[in-house]
Structure formats: structure tokens, C-alpha cells
C-alpha atoms as a PDB file:
ATOM      1  CA  MET A   1     113.989 -65.926  99.045  1.00  0.00           C
ATOM      2  CA  ALA A   2     115.181 -69.291 100.421  1.00  0.00           C
ATOM      3  CA  LYS A   3     114.871 -67.905 103.963  1.00  0.00           C
ATOM      4  CA  LYS A   4     111.211 -67.019 103.297  1.00  0.00           C
ATOM      5  CA  GLY A   5     110.534 -70.572 102.128  1.00  0.00           C
ATOM      6  CA  ALA A   6     112.264 -72.013 105.176  1.00  0.00           C
ATOM      7  CA  ASP A   7     110.338 -69.694 107.491  1.00  0.00           C
ATOM      8  CA  LYS A   8     107.107 -70.858 105.858  1.00  0.00           C
ATOM      9  CA  ASP A   9     108.150 -74.495 106.338  1.00  0.00           C
ATOM     10  CA  LEU A  10     108.786 -73.840 110.036  1.00  0.00           C
ATOM     11  CA  LYS A  11     105.451 -72.049 110.373  1.00  0.00           C
ATOM     12  CA  ASP A  12     103.674 -74.960 108.659  1.00  0.00           C
ATOM     13  CA  LEU A  13     105.460 -77.424 110.918  1.00  0.00           C
ATOM     14  CA  LYS A  14     104.433 -75.460 113.993  1.00  0.00           C
ATOM     15  CA  LYS A  15     100.840 -75.457 112.750  1.00  0.00           C
ATOM     16  CA  LYS A  16     100.961 -79.238 112.268  1.00  0.00           C
ATOM     17  CA  ILE A  17     102.513 -80.252 115.566  1.00  0.00           C
ATOM     18  CA  GLY A  18     102.182 -77.222 117.804  1.00  0.00           C
ATOM     19  CA  LYS A  19     105.898 -76.707 118.389  1.00  0.00           C
ATOM     20  CA  VAL A  20     108.940 -76.669 116.130  1.00  0.00           C
ATOM     21  CA  PRO A  21     111.628 -79.038 117.390  1.00  0.00           C
ATOM     22  CA  LYS A  22     114.991 -77.413 118.028  1.00  0.00           C
ATOM     23  CA  PHE A  23     116.529 -79.814 115.507  1.00  0.00           C
ATOM     24  CA  PHE A  24     114.598 -78.219 112.642  1.00  0.00           C
ATOM     25  CA  LYS A  25     115.514 -74.667 113.644  1.00  0.00           C
ATOM     26  CA  GLU A  26     119.191 -75.533 113.936  1.00  0.00           C
ATOM     27  CA  LEU A  27     119.189 -77.451 110.675  1.00  0.00           C
ATOM     28  CA  MET A  28     117.577 -74.510 108.883  1.00  0.00           C
ATOM     29  CA  GLU A  29     120.332 -72.194 110.105  1.00  0.00           C
ATOM     30  CA  LYS A  30     123.327 -74.517 109.715  1.00  0.00           C
ATOM     31  CA  ASP A  31     122.426 -76.408 106.550  1.00  0.00           C
ATOM     32  CA  PRO A  32     119.521 -74.840 104.627  1.00  0.00           C
ATOM     33  CA  GLU A  33     119.826 -77.289 101.736  1.00  0.00           C
ATOM     34  CA  MET A  34     119.594 -80.291 104.066  1.00  0.00           C
ATOM     35  CA  PHE A  35     116.663 -78.603 105.828  1.00  0.00           C
ATOM     36  CA  LYS A  36     114.880 -78.246 102.496  1.00  0.00           C
ATOM     37  CA  LEU A  37     115.447 -81.929 101.688  1.00  0.00           C
ATOM     38  CA  VAL A  38     114.270 -83.069 105.129  1.00  0.00           C
ATOM     39  CA  MET A  39     111.118 -80.949 104.863  1.00  0.00           C
ATOM     40  CA  LYS A  40     110.383 -82.339 101.399  1.00  0.00           C
ATOM     41  CA  PHE A  41     110.863 -85.887 102.668  1.00  0.00           C
ATOM     42  CA  GLU A  42     108.750 -85.134 105.750  1.00  0.00           C
ATOM     43  CA  GLN A  43     105.925 -83.904 103.536  1.00  0.00           C
ATOM     44  CA  HIS A  44     106.193 -86.983 101.329  1.00  0.00           C
ATOM     45  CA  ILE A  45     105.984 -89.314 104.330  1.00  0.00           C
ATOM     46  CA  TRP A  46     102.979 -87.582 105.921  1.00  0.00           C
ATOM     47  CA  ASP A  47     100.924 -87.115 102.744  1.00  0.00           C
ATOM     48  CA  ASP A  48      97.901 -89.374 102.430  1.00  0.00           C
ATOM     49  CA  GLY A  49      98.666 -92.491 100.422  1.00  0.00           C
ATOM     50  CA  ALA A  50      97.660 -96.092 101.014  1.00  0.00           C
ATOM     51  CA  LEU A  51      97.544 -95.009 104.664  1.00  0.00           C
ATOM     52  CA  SER A  52      95.831 -91.835 105.762  1.00  0.00           C
ATOM     53  CA  ARG A  53      97.746 -89.114 107.589  1.00  0.00           C
ATOM     54  CA  LYS A  54      95.652 -89.941 110.649  1.00  0.00           C
ATOM     55  CA  THR A  55      96.686 -93.608 110.568  1.00  0.00           C
ATOM     56  CA  LYS A  56     100.320 -92.592 110.135  1.00  0.00           C
ATOM     57  CA  LYS A  57     100.046 -90.374 113.226  1.00  0.00           C
ATOM     58  CA  LEU A  58      98.754 -93.303 115.267  1.00  0.00           C
ATOM     59  CA  ILE A  59     101.680 -95.427 114.087  1.00  0.00           C
ATOM     60  CA  ALA A  60     104.091 -92.615 114.963  1.00  0.00           C
ATOM     61  CA  ILE A  61     102.597 -92.265 118.444  1.00  0.00           C
ATOM     62  CA  ALA A  62     102.949 -95.998 119.083  1.00  0.00           C
ATOM     63  CA  ILE A  63     106.556 -96.017 117.875  1.00  0.00           C
ATOM     64  CA  ALA A  64     107.476 -92.926 119.913  1.00  0.00           C
ATOM     65  CA  ALA A  65     105.859 -94.435 123.014  1.00  0.00           C
ATOM     66  CA  ALA A  66     107.735 -97.704 122.466  1.00  0.00           C
ATOM     67  CA  LEU A  67     110.972 -95.709 122.286  1.00  0.00           C
ATOM     68  CA  ARG A  68     109.852 -93.621 125.288  1.00  0.00           C
ATOM     69  CA  ASP A  69     110.759 -90.469 123.393  1.00  0.00           C
ATOM     70  CA  GLN A  70     108.898 -87.764 125.297  1.00  0.00           C
ATOM     71  CA  HIS A  71     109.461 -85.060 122.710  1.00  0.00           C
ATOM     72  CA  ALA A  72     108.285 -87.249 119.830  1.00  0.00           C
ATOM     73  CA  VAL A  73     105.210 -88.521 121.701  1.00  0.00           C
ATOM     74  CA  TYR A  74     104.239 -84.985 122.655  1.00  0.00           C
ATOM     75  CA  ALA A  75     104.773 -83.637 119.135  1.00  0.00           C
ATOM     76  CA  GLN A  76     102.946 -86.517 117.462  1.00  0.00           C
ATOM     77  CA  MET A  77      99.991 -86.269 119.844  1.00  0.00           C
ATOM     78  CA  GLY A  78      99.804 -82.530 119.272  1.00  0.00           C
ATOM     79  CA  GLY A  79      99.684 -83.114 115.529  1.00  0.00           C
ATOM     80  CA  ALA A  80      97.190 -85.953 115.964  1.00  0.00           C
ATOM     81  CA  ALA A  81      94.815 -83.737 117.925  1.00  0.00           C
ATOM     82  CA  LYS A  82      94.839 -81.284 115.025  1.00  0.00           C
ATOM     83  CA  LEU A  83      93.867 -84.139 112.686  1.00  0.00           C
ATOM     84  CA  GLY A  84      90.904 -85.085 114.862  1.00  0.00           C
ATOM     85  CA  VAL A  85      92.486 -88.218 116.322  1.00  0.00           C
ATOM     86  CA  THR A  86      90.580 -89.247 119.446  1.00  0.00           C
ATOM     87  CA  LYS A  87      91.876 -90.456 122.786  1.00  0.00           C
ATOM     88  CA  GLU A  88      90.193 -93.786 122.057  1.00  0.00           C
ATOM     89  CA  GLU A  89      92.172 -94.168 118.826  1.00  0.00           C
ATOM     90  CA  ILE A  90      95.411 -93.323 120.620  1.00  0.00           C
ATOM     91  CA  GLU A  91      94.516 -95.811 123.350  1.00  0.00           C
ATOM     92  CA  GLU A  92      94.203 -98.564 120.737  1.00  0.00           C
ATOM     93  CA  ALA A  93      97.504 -97.609 119.126  1.00  0.00           C
ATOM     94  CA  LEU A  94      99.147 -97.720 122.554  1.00  0.00           C
ATOM     95  CA  ARG A  95      97.717-101.196 123.123  1.00  0.00           C
ATOM     96  CA  VAL A  96      99.527-102.337 119.978  1.00  0.00           C
ATOM     97  CA  ALA A  97     102.721-100.780 121.352  1.00  0.00           C
ATOM     98  CA  PHE A  98     102.061-102.639 124.628  1.00  0.00           C
ATOM     99  CA  LEU A  99     101.666-105.959 122.830  1.00  0.00           C
ATOM    100  CA  LEU A 100     104.914-105.556 120.932  1.00  0.00           C
ATOM    101  CA  SER A 101     107.008-103.393 123.275  1.00  0.00           C
ATOM    102  CA  GLY A 102     105.698-104.157 126.737  1.00  0.00           C
ATOM    103  CA  MET A 103     104.010-102.395 129.607  1.00  0.00           C
ATOM    104  CA  PRO A 104     106.524 -99.502 129.842  1.00  0.00           C
ATOM    105  CA  ALA A 105     105.625 -98.300 126.330  1.00  0.00           C
ATOM    106  CA  TYR A 106     101.904 -98.407 127.141  1.00  0.00           C
ATOM    107  CA  VAL A 107     102.245 -96.654 130.499  1.00  0.00           C
ATOM    108  CA  TYR A 108     104.566 -94.041 129.022  1.00  0.00           C
ATOM    109  CA  GLY A 109     102.212 -93.328 126.129  1.00  0.00           C
ATOM    110  CA  LYS A 110      99.179 -93.141 128.436  1.00  0.00           C
ATOM    111  CA  ALA A 111     100.922 -90.638 130.697  1.00  0.00           C
ATOM    112  CA  GLN A 112     101.752 -88.438 127.725  1.00  0.00           C
ATOM    113  CA  MET A 113      98.226 -88.783 126.317  1.00  0.00           C
ATOM    114  CA  ASP A 114      96.712 -87.668 129.612  1.00  0.00           C
ATOM    115  CA  GLU A 115      98.991 -84.627 129.565  1.00  0.00           C
ATOM    116  CA  VAL A 116      98.530 -83.643 125.904  1.00  0.00           C
ATOM    117  CA  MET A 117      94.924 -84.682 125.213  1.00  0.00           C
ATOM    118  CA  LYS A 118      93.254 -83.095 128.265  1.00  0.00           C
END
């Protein structure tokens, strides 16, 4: 039964971001209890609260771009597109990353946006 729940979590994750990171698949196989805790925490973080899920995605995109984490930028933009986030909104979030992290974060994020948000 736990496997069914984990499979559903992976399916939900894929629906949210378009692709399931290898980390989640490996964690599910090697440490199902940890996987369950991470998924619960992930859900808690992304749920609407004082900030909307959409706003949280924009923050995540800016952070991932600042870190120049290609996988994270791609995954967050994929999830953002499914939430109706526009290129203009991502552009503004990347400008904040530029202000605080410099030109490389902005250029990196723009390149990923052009690839993901065609």
C-alpha cells in the first residue's frame, strides 16, 4: 500500500513540474519513510498561505537562477507554466535576482525561460 502512495506522489510531482527529479525516485526506493516526509514537507511549503503558490514559484525561479541550477530552473519554470505564470512575471522575478545576484543570474534565468516558456 505504501508503494501505491509513493507512486501517486511521484505522479502528482510529475504533473506539477513536468518531470520527476532523479533524487525523488532514488529516495522513494532507498528510503521510503524519508521520501514520505520530504513529500509532506514539499506539499506544506507549496500550499497557498500568506503567499500564493504562484508567488512562491516566482521566488523559486529567482533563487534557482541565482544559483545557476539548470535542473531547478527548468523544473520550477515547468511548474510555473502549469500555474499560469507568464513570461512577464518571470522576467520581473529574474530582475530581482539580477539586482541581488548580478548579471549572470539574470542571463542564466532568461536563457532557461526562452527554452522552457516557448
